[in-house]
Amino acid sequence: MDDYKTRGEVIIDMKNVNKWYGDFHVLRDINLQIGKGERVIICGPSGSGKSTLIRCINCLEVYQEGKINVDGIPADDNLNNIEKIRSGKVSMVFQHFNLFPHLTVLGNLTLAQMLVCHRNKVEAEEIAYSYLKRVQIEEQAMKFPGQISGGQQQRVAIARSLCMNPEVMLFDEPTSALDPEMISEVLDVMIELAEDGMTMICVTHEMGFAKKVADCVVFMDEGQIVERNSPKEFFSRPKNERTKLFLSQIIAH
């Protein structure tokens, strides 16, 4: 299943993680290590547990068995641990942006900084503008989310995550809610982050993006990690029959 060796110091360590929704066993004996600076793509069919996996890393989901450590901090239901993880270790970009519609773009970027990182308004706004400039939408700062495009909203969401100075960025299908012409503008921002050495874990069906930026690709099916390998090996010589079927279907489309 796993011919890929994690590089460098481990920052995400998942051991024998199991999770159920009632009788549905959504994560089955997950063992996964991710090193600092690694870019990991998680792919697989709908319902395979991909999004649940990364939500557990960010303490948005509670798992019932096993252990997850984020840079040595247990990702569990301990409120102190959750605050430590979310205030500087891990930040997440969601499929549907999750921006506050009643706040301006600038307000969306400063709120968590002030509440979670305890920065004052001047400092928070300075940081917010620096990251809006980085994702090339600083001119949208005073608009509301409903006044900008979906691609711009997702870039705002990425900038908001960067404002928290995370060590790890989680992306949950960040382009799946976008019109086709908007996908590339979001992927370009993510490629730039990857080239800067950000640790990234991304759930996506964008296989071209995976080939371009990933250090390793993880394929999940029915709550299990079926295969993990470098993009070159994963795409050219997949070992599992389920992986071969998935790739034949997704590449055909």
C-alpha atoms as a PDB file:
ATOM      1  CA  MET A   1       0.000   0.000   0.000  1.00  0.00           C
ATOM      2  CA  ASP A   2       2.685   2.487   0.983  1.00  0.00           C
ATOM      3  CA  ASP A   3       5.957   2.821  -0.916  1.00  0.00           C
ATOM      4  CA  TYR A   4       6.321   6.504  -0.121  1.00  0.00           C
ATOM      5  CA  LYS A   5       8.583   7.590   2.724  1.00  0.00           C
ATOM      6  CA  THR A   6       7.768  10.771   4.625  1.00  0.00           C
ATOM      7  CA  ARG A   7      10.484  13.385   4.308  1.00  0.00           C
ATOM      8  CA  GLY A   8      11.856  15.544   7.079  1.00  0.00           C
ATOM      9  CA  GLU A   9      10.441  16.180  10.528  1.00  0.00           C
ATOM     10  CA  VAL A  10       6.941  14.788  11.019  1.00  0.00           C
ATOM     11  CA  ILE A  11       4.307  17.466  11.713  1.00  0.00           C
ATOM     12  CA  ILE A  12       1.105  15.406  11.262  1.00  0.00           C
ATOM     13  CA  ASP A  13       1.080  11.933  12.807  1.00  0.00           C
ATOM     14  CA  MET A  14      -2.042   9.774  12.552  1.00  0.00           C
ATOM     15  CA  LYS A  15      -2.044   6.334  14.151  1.00  0.00           C
ATOM     16  CA  ASN A  16      -4.837   3.757  13.917  1.00  0.00           C
ATOM     17  CA  VAL A  17      -7.518   6.435  13.572  1.00  0.00           C
ATOM     18  CA  ASN A  18     -11.105   5.173  13.415  1.00  0.00           C
ATOM     19  CA  LYS A  19     -14.294   7.180  13.200  1.00  0.00           C
ATOM     20  CA  TRP A  20     -17.948   6.239  12.975  1.00  0.00           C
ATOM     21  CA  TYR A  21     -21.104   8.163  12.140  1.00  0.00           C
ATOM     22  CA  GLY A  22     -23.533   5.918  13.972  1.00  0.00           C
ATOM     23  CA  ASP A  23     -23.081   2.522  12.327  1.00  0.00           C
ATOM     24  CA  PHE A  24     -21.178   3.947   9.362  1.00  0.00           C
ATOM     25  CA  HIS A  25     -17.437   3.329   9.701  1.00  0.00           C
ATOM     26  CA  VAL A  26     -16.125   6.418   7.885  1.00  0.00           C
ATOM     27  CA  LEU A  27     -12.405   6.130   8.767  1.00  0.00           C
ATOM     28  CA  ARG A  28     -10.799   2.706   9.133  1.00  0.00           C
ATOM     29  CA  ASP A  29      -7.393   2.280  10.782  1.00  0.00           C
ATOM     30  CA  ILE A  30      -5.817   5.370   9.249  1.00  0.00           C
ATOM     31  CA  ASN A  31      -2.034   5.529   9.598  1.00  0.00           C
ATOM     32  CA  LEU A  32      -0.435   8.545   7.944  1.00  0.00           C
ATOM     33  CA  GLN A  33       2.600  10.719   8.600  1.00  0.00           C
ATOM     34  CA  ILE A  34       3.236  14.048   6.896  1.00  0.00           C
ATOM     35  CA  GLY A  35       6.524  15.922   7.121  1.00  0.00           C
ATOM     36  CA  LYS A  36       7.076  19.663   7.374  1.00  0.00           C
ATOM     37  CA  GLY A  37       7.029  21.240   3.936  1.00  0.00           C
ATOM     38  CA  GLU A  38       5.366  18.277   2.254  1.00  0.00           C
ATOM     39  CA  ARG A  39       2.510  18.725  -0.185  1.00  0.00           C
ATOM     40  CA  VAL A  40       0.024  15.870   0.053  1.00  0.00           C
ATOM     41  CA  ILE A  41      -2.923  15.346  -2.282  1.00  0.00           C
ATOM     42  CA  ILE A  42      -5.786  13.160  -1.033  1.00  0.00           C
ATOM     43  CA  CYS A  43      -8.093  11.778  -3.696  1.00  0.00           C
ATOM     44  CA  GLY A  44     -10.740   9.100  -4.016  1.00  0.00           C
ATOM     45  CA  PRO A  45     -14.433   8.592  -4.766  1.00  0.00           C
ATOM     46  CA  SER A  46     -17.195  10.483  -2.955  1.00  0.00           C
ATOM     47  CA  GLY A  47     -17.876   9.089   0.503  1.00  0.00           C
ATOM     48  CA  SER A  48     -14.400   7.603   0.920  1.00  0.00           C
ATOM     49  CA  GLY A  49     -13.601   9.669   4.038  1.00  0.00           C
ATOM     50  CA  LYS A  50     -11.261  12.257   2.507  1.00  0.00           C
ATOM     51  CA  SER A  51     -12.880  15.390   3.949  1.00  0.00           C
ATOM     52  CA  THR A  52     -13.528  13.716   7.290  1.00  0.00           C
ATOM     53  CA  LEU A  53      -9.838  12.858   7.513  1.00  0.00           C
ATOM     54  CA  ILE A  54      -8.625  16.433   7.191  1.00  0.00           C
ATOM     55  CA  ARG A  55     -11.436  17.773   9.385  1.00  0.00           C
ATOM     56  CA  CYS A  56     -10.166  15.513  12.168  1.00  0.00           C
ATOM     57  CA  ILE A  57      -6.723  17.131  11.855  1.00  0.00           C
ATOM     58  CA  ASN A  58      -8.311  20.547  12.474  1.00  0.00           C
ATOM     59  CA  CYS A  59     -10.482  19.239  15.341  1.00  0.00           C
ATOM     60  CA  LEU A  60     -13.682  19.893  13.389  1.00  0.00           C
ATOM     61  CA  GLU A  61     -14.580  16.215  13.731  1.00  0.00           C
ATOM     62  CA  VAL A  62     -14.105  13.934  16.727  1.00  0.00           C
ATOM     63  CA  TYR A  63     -12.690  10.475  16.074  1.00  0.00           C
ATOM     64  CA  GLN A  64     -13.400   7.549  18.396  1.00  0.00           C
ATOM     65  CA  GLU A  65     -10.187   5.499  18.238  1.00  0.00           C
ATOM     66  CA  GLY A  66      -6.493   6.145  17.593  1.00  0.00           C
ATOM     67  CA  LYS A  67      -4.324   9.250  17.882  1.00  0.00           C
ATOM     68  CA  ILE A  68      -3.665  12.371  15.840  1.00  0.00           C
ATOM     69  CA  ASN A  69      -0.799  14.679  16.791  1.00  0.00           C
ATOM     70  CA  VAL A  70      -0.172  18.046  15.147  1.00  0.00           C
ATOM     71  CA  ASP A  71       3.436  19.054  15.792  1.00  0.00           C
ATOM     72  CA  GLY A  72       3.237  17.073  19.038  1.00  0.00           C
ATOM     73  CA  ILE A  73      -0.135  18.483  20.131  1.00  0.00           C
ATOM     74  CA  PRO A  74      -2.979  15.941  20.401  1.00  0.00           C
ATOM     75  CA  ALA A  75      -5.874  16.776  18.076  1.00  0.00           C
ATOM     76  CA  ASP A  76      -8.629  15.809  20.490  1.00  0.00           C
ATOM     77  CA  ASP A  77     -11.544  17.415  22.339  1.00  0.00           C
ATOM     78  CA  ASN A  78      -9.300  19.247  24.817  1.00  0.00           C
ATOM     79  CA  LEU A  79     -10.127  22.944  24.366  1.00  0.00           C
ATOM     80  CA  ASN A  80      -6.562  24.084  25.076  1.00  0.00           C
ATOM     81  CA  ASN A  81      -5.211  21.735  22.422  1.00  0.00           C
ATOM     82  CA  ILE A  82      -7.843  22.863  19.919  1.00  0.00           C
ATOM     83  CA  GLU A  83      -6.921  26.519  20.502  1.00  0.00           C
ATOM     84  CA  LYS A  84      -3.198  25.777  20.080  1.00  0.00           C
ATOM     85  CA  ILE A  85      -3.808  23.898  16.832  1.00  0.00           C
ATOM     86  CA  ARG A  86      -6.103  26.516  15.311  1.00  0.00           C
ATOM     87  CA  SER A  87      -4.163  29.591  16.434  1.00  0.00           C
ATOM     88  CA  GLY A  88      -0.945  28.853  14.594  1.00  0.00           C
ATOM     89  CA  LYS A  89      -0.508  25.229  13.645  1.00  0.00           C
ATOM     90  CA  VAL A  90      -3.304  24.491  11.177  1.00  0.00           C
ATOM     91  CA  SER A  91      -5.679  26.545   9.051  1.00  0.00           C
ATOM     92  CA  MET A  92      -8.340  25.305   6.646  1.00  0.00           C
ATOM     93  CA  VAL A  93      -9.828  26.447   3.338  1.00  0.00           C
ATOM     94  CA  PHE A  94     -13.302  25.089   2.705  1.00  0.00           C
ATOM     95  CA  GLN A  95     -15.155  24.021  -0.435  1.00  0.00           C
ATOM     96  CA  HIS A  96     -17.806  26.746  -0.110  1.00  0.00           C
ATOM     97  CA  PHE A  97     -15.504  29.527   1.157  1.00  0.00           C
ATOM     98  CA  ASN A  98     -17.262  29.892   4.567  1.00  0.00           C
ATOM     99  CA  LEU A  99     -16.936  33.669   4.517  1.00  0.00           C
ATOM    100  CA  PHE A 100     -19.166  35.829   6.704  1.00  0.00           C
ATOM    101  CA  PRO A 101     -21.550  37.562   4.233  1.00  0.00           C
ATOM    102  CA  HIS A 102     -22.238  40.502   6.572  1.00  0.00           C
ATOM    103  CA  LEU A 103     -18.539  41.382   6.911  1.00  0.00           C
ATOM    104  CA  THR A 104     -16.343  43.028   4.300  1.00  0.00           C
ATOM    105  CA  VAL A 105     -13.406  41.120   2.840  1.00  0.00           C
ATOM    106  CA  LEU A 106     -11.166  42.992   5.272  1.00  0.00           C
ATOM    107  CA  GLY A 107     -13.491  42.168   8.167  1.00  0.00           C
ATOM    108  CA  ASN A 108     -13.375  38.485   7.266  1.00  0.00           C
ATOM    109  CA  LEU A 109      -9.579  38.573   7.412  1.00  0.00           C
ATOM    110  CA  THR A 110      -9.260  40.453  10.684  1.00  0.00           C
ATOM    111  CA  LEU A 111     -11.936  38.789  12.840  1.00  0.00           C
ATOM    112  CA  ALA A 112     -10.104  35.565  13.722  1.00  0.00           C
ATOM    113  CA  GLN A 113      -6.816  37.410  14.071  1.00  0.00           C
ATOM    114  CA  MET A 114      -8.300  39.575  16.801  1.00  0.00           C
ATOM    115  CA  LEU A 115     -10.346  36.853  18.521  1.00  0.00           C
ATOM    116  CA  VAL A 116      -7.923  33.928  18.305  1.00  0.00           C
ATOM    117  CA  CYS A 117      -4.484  35.528  17.929  1.00  0.00           C
ATOM    118  CA  HIS A 118      -5.371  38.549  20.121  1.00  0.00           C
ATOM    119  CA  ARG A 119      -3.954  41.070  17.647  1.00  0.00           C
ATOM    120  CA  ASN A 120      -5.157  44.658  17.736  1.00  0.00           C
ATOM    121  CA  LYS A 121      -7.148  46.067  14.820  1.00  0.00           C
ATOM    122  CA  VAL A 122      -4.266  48.020  13.276  1.00  0.00           C
ATOM    123  CA  GLU A 123      -1.942  45.020  13.298  1.00  0.00           C
ATOM    124  CA  ALA A 124      -4.663  42.683  12.025  1.00  0.00           C
ATOM    125  CA  GLU A 125      -5.524  45.007   9.134  1.00  0.00           C
ATOM    126  CA  GLU A 126      -1.866  45.411   8.183  1.00  0.00           C
ATOM    127  CA  ILE A 127      -1.448  41.635   8.030  1.00  0.00           C
ATOM    128  CA  ALA A 128      -4.734  41.265   6.152  1.00  0.00           C
ATOM    129  CA  TYR A 129      -3.697  43.726   3.446  1.00  0.00           C
ATOM    130  CA  SER A 130      -0.336  42.002   3.020  1.00  0.00           C
ATOM    131  CA  TYR A 131      -2.044  38.681   2.266  1.00  0.00           C
ATOM    132  CA  LEU A 132      -4.762  40.224   0.095  1.00  0.00           C
ATOM    133  CA  LYS A 133      -1.916  41.670  -1.953  1.00  0.00           C
ATOM    134  CA  ARG A 134      -0.282  38.255  -2.107  1.00  0.00           C
ATOM    135  CA  VAL A 135      -3.427  36.680  -3.598  1.00  0.00           C
ATOM    136  CA  GLN A 136      -3.827  39.769  -5.846  1.00  0.00           C
ATOM    137  CA  ILE A 137      -7.178  41.108  -4.637  1.00  0.00           C
ATOM    138  CA  GLU A 138      -6.253  43.932  -2.267  1.00  0.00           C
ATOM    139  CA  GLU A 139      -8.546  46.260  -4.248  1.00  0.00           C
ATOM    140  CA  GLN A 140     -11.538  44.171  -3.065  1.00  0.00           C
ATOM    141  CA  ALA A 141     -10.871  44.781   0.642  1.00  0.00           C
ATOM    142  CA  MET A 142     -13.952  46.908   1.348  1.00  0.00           C
ATOM    143  CA  LYS A 143     -16.411  44.837  -0.681  1.00  0.00           C
ATOM    144  CA  PHE A 144     -18.703  42.183   0.759  1.00  0.00           C
ATOM    145  CA  PRO A 145     -18.338  38.531  -0.329  1.00  0.00           C
ATOM    146  CA  GLY A 146     -21.546  38.695  -2.376  1.00  0.00           C
ATOM    147  CA  GLN A 147     -20.051  41.492  -4.481  1.00  0.00           C
ATOM    148  CA  ILE A 148     -17.080  39.482  -5.774  1.00  0.00           C
ATOM    149  CA  SER A 149     -16.704  36.341  -7.888  1.00  0.00           C
ATOM    150  CA  GLY A 150     -16.427  32.805  -6.565  1.00  0.00           C
ATOM    151  CA  GLY A 151     -12.767  32.636  -7.511  1.00  0.00           C
ATOM    152  CA  GLN A 152     -12.113  35.885  -5.664  1.00  0.00           C
ATOM    153  CA  GLN A 153     -14.042  34.620  -2.634  1.00  0.00           C
ATOM    154  CA  GLN A 154     -11.871  31.507  -2.507  1.00  0.00           C
ATOM    155  CA  ARG A 155      -8.740  33.653  -2.728  1.00  0.00           C
ATOM    156  CA  VAL A 156     -10.113  35.675   0.198  1.00  0.00           C
ATOM    157  CA  ALA A 157     -10.561  32.402   2.100  1.00  0.00           C
ATOM    158  CA  ILE A 158      -6.951  31.443   1.358  1.00  0.00           C
ATOM    159  CA  ALA A 159      -5.735  34.876   2.491  1.00  0.00           C
ATOM    160  CA  ARG A 160      -7.798  34.557   5.682  1.00  0.00           C
ATOM    161  CA  SER A 161      -6.088  31.252   6.452  1.00  0.00           C
ATOM    162  CA  LEU A 162      -2.646  32.709   5.767  1.00  0.00           C
ATOM    163  CA  CYS A 163      -3.347  35.554   8.216  1.00  0.00           C
ATOM    164  CA  MET A 164      -3.230  32.967  11.000  1.00  0.00           C
ATOM    165  CA  ASN A 165       0.399  32.151  10.090  1.00  0.00           C
ATOM    166  CA  PRO A 166      -0.272  28.416   9.974  1.00  0.00           C
ATOM    167  CA  GLU A 167       2.375  25.747   9.673  1.00  0.00           C
ATOM    168  CA  VAL A 168      -0.075  23.513   7.804  1.00  0.00           C
ATOM    169  CA  MET A 169      -2.765  24.476   5.284  1.00  0.00           C
ATOM    170  CA  LEU A 170      -5.719  22.140   4.748  1.00  0.00           C
ATOM    171  CA  PHE A 171      -7.767  22.459   1.558  1.00  0.00           C
ATOM    172  CA  ASP A 172     -11.106  20.661   1.255  1.00  0.00           C
ATOM    173  CA  GLU A 173     -11.929  20.486  -2.470  1.00  0.00           C
ATOM    174  CA  PRO A 174     -11.178  24.211  -2.846  1.00  0.00           C
ATOM    175  CA  THR A 175     -12.141  24.422  -6.523  1.00  0.00           C
ATOM    176  CA  SER A 176     -15.174  22.132  -6.712  1.00  0.00           C
ATOM    177  CA  ALA A 177     -17.697  24.952  -6.131  1.00  0.00           C
ATOM    178  CA  LEU A 178     -16.142  27.193  -8.785  1.00  0.00           C
ATOM    179  CA  ASP A 179     -17.008  27.777 -12.407  1.00  0.00           C
ATOM    180  CA  PRO A 180     -14.353  26.244 -14.713  1.00  0.00           C
ATOM    181  CA  GLU A 181     -12.861  29.590 -15.716  1.00  0.00           C
ATOM    182  CA  MET A 182     -12.276  30.494 -12.063  1.00  0.00           C
ATOM    183  CA  ILE A 183     -10.467  27.291 -11.105  1.00  0.00           C
ATOM    184  CA  SER A 184      -7.082  28.242 -12.524  1.00  0.00           C
ATOM    185  CA  GLU A 185      -6.885  31.524 -10.578  1.00  0.00           C
ATOM    186  CA  VAL A 186      -7.291  29.633  -7.292  1.00  0.00           C
ATOM    187  CA  LEU A 187      -4.907  26.840  -8.293  1.00  0.00           C
ATOM    188  CA  ASP A 188      -2.284  29.423  -9.272  1.00  0.00           C
ATOM    189  CA  VAL A 189      -2.369  30.835  -5.736  1.00  0.00           C
ATOM    190  CA  MET A 190      -2.062  27.330  -4.273  1.00  0.00           C
ATOM    191  CA  ILE A 191       0.865  26.503  -6.575  1.00  0.00           C
ATOM    192  CA  GLU A 192       2.653  29.629  -5.365  1.00  0.00           C
ATOM    193  CA  LEU A 193       2.108  28.572  -1.736  1.00  0.00           C
ATOM    194  CA  ALA A 194       3.464  25.122  -2.519  1.00  0.00           C
ATOM    195  CA  GLU A 195       6.558  26.604  -4.155  1.00  0.00           C
ATOM    196  CA  ASP A 196       7.131  28.708  -1.022  1.00  0.00           C
ATOM    197  CA  GLY A 197       7.388  25.509   1.049  1.00  0.00           C
ATOM    198  CA  MET A 198       4.042  25.571   2.860  1.00  0.00           C
ATOM    199  CA  THR A 199       2.973  22.211   4.296  1.00  0.00           C
ATOM    200  CA  MET A 200      -0.239  21.460   2.412  1.00  0.00           C
ATOM    201  CA  ILE A 201      -2.849  18.715   2.568  1.00  0.00           C
ATOM    202  CA  CYS A 202      -5.379  19.060  -0.213  1.00  0.00           C
ATOM    203  CA  VAL A 203      -8.476  17.008  -0.971  1.00  0.00           C
ATOM    204  CA  THR A 204      -9.070  17.456  -4.686  1.00  0.00           C
ATOM    205  CA  HIS A 205      -9.969  15.838  -7.998  1.00  0.00           C
ATOM    206  CA  GLU A 206      -7.653  18.211  -9.886  1.00  0.00           C
ATOM    207  CA  MET A 207      -5.143  15.605 -11.030  1.00  0.00           C
ATOM    208  CA  GLY A 208      -3.147  18.079 -13.113  1.00  0.00           C
ATOM    209  CA  PHE A 209      -2.598  20.112  -9.951  1.00  0.00           C
ATOM    210  CA  ALA A 210      -1.589  16.943  -8.093  1.00  0.00           C
ATOM    211  CA  LYS A 211       1.017  16.096 -10.721  1.00  0.00           C
ATOM    212  CA  LYS A 212       2.422  19.616 -10.582  1.00  0.00           C
ATOM    213  CA  VAL A 213       2.725  20.264  -6.835  1.00  0.00           C
ATOM    214  CA  ALA A 214       2.379  17.045  -4.827  1.00  0.00           C
ATOM    215  CA  ASP A 215       5.194  15.261  -3.056  1.00  0.00           C
ATOM    216  CA  CYS A 216       2.838  12.350  -2.540  1.00  0.00           C
ATOM    217  CA  VAL A 217      -0.666  11.309  -3.518  1.00  0.00           C
ATOM    218  CA  VAL A 218      -2.941   9.414  -1.124  1.00  0.00           C
ATOM    219  CA  PHE A 219      -5.825   7.409  -2.551  1.00  0.00           C
ATOM    220  CA  MET A 220      -8.722   6.575  -0.221  1.00  0.00           C
ATOM    221  CA  ASP A 221     -11.653   4.215  -0.689  1.00  0.00           C
ATOM    222  CA  GLU A 222     -14.299   3.092   1.811  1.00  0.00           C
ATOM    223  CA  GLY A 223     -12.581   4.886   4.679  1.00  0.00           C
ATOM    224  CA  GLN A 224      -9.161   3.346   4.110  1.00  0.00           C
ATOM    225  CA  ILE A 225      -5.880   4.507   2.639  1.00  0.00           C
ATOM    226  CA  VAL A 226      -5.548   2.160  -0.308  1.00  0.00           C
ATOM    227  CA  GLU A 227      -2.384   3.561  -1.865  1.00  0.00           C
ATOM    228  CA  ARG A 228       0.207   6.273  -1.246  1.00  0.00           C
ATOM    229  CA  ASN A 229       3.085   7.121  -3.525  1.00  0.00           C
ATOM    230  CA  SER A 230       4.922   9.843  -5.408  1.00  0.00           C
ATOM    231  CA  PRO A 231       2.900  11.415  -8.254  1.00  0.00           C
ATOM    232  CA  LYS A 232       5.166   9.785 -10.844  1.00  0.00           C
ATOM    233  CA  GLU A 233       4.601   6.295  -9.452  1.00  0.00           C
ATOM    234  CA  PHE A 234       0.968   6.899  -8.542  1.00  0.00           C
ATOM    235  CA  PHE A 235      -0.093   8.007 -12.000  1.00  0.00           C
ATOM    236  CA  SER A 236       2.190   5.840 -14.143  1.00  0.00           C
ATOM    237  CA  ARG A 237       2.297   2.635 -12.104  1.00  0.00           C
ATOM    238  CA  PRO A 238      -0.629   2.417  -9.650  1.00  0.00           C
ATOM    239  CA  LYS A 239      -0.434  -0.837  -7.708  1.00  0.00           C
ATOM    240  CA  ASN A 240      -3.991  -1.340  -6.474  1.00  0.00           C
ATOM    241  CA  GLU A 241      -6.775  -2.344  -8.855  1.00  0.00           C
ATOM    242  CA  ARG A 242      -9.165   0.110  -7.178  1.00  0.00           C
ATOM    243  CA  THR A 243      -6.674   2.927  -7.802  1.00  0.00           C
ATOM    244  CA  LYS A 244      -6.353   1.931 -11.462  1.00  0.00           C
ATOM    245  CA  LEU A 245     -10.126   2.008 -11.893  1.00  0.00           C
ATOM    246  CA  PHE A 246     -10.444   5.410 -10.217  1.00  0.00           C
ATOM    247  CA  LEU A 247      -7.696   6.940 -12.355  1.00  0.00           C
ATOM    248  CA  SER A 248      -9.174   5.513 -15.552  1.00  0.00           C
ATOM    249  CA  GLN A 249     -12.533   7.083 -14.705  1.00  0.00           C
ATOM    250  CA  ILE A 250     -11.333  10.483 -13.532  1.00  0.00           C
ATOM    251  CA  ILE A 251      -8.746  11.007 -16.260  1.00  0.00           C
ATOM    252  CA  ALA A 252     -11.291   9.956 -18.897  1.00  0.00           C
ATOM    253  CA  HIS A 253     -13.479  12.846 -17.729  1.00  0.00           C
END
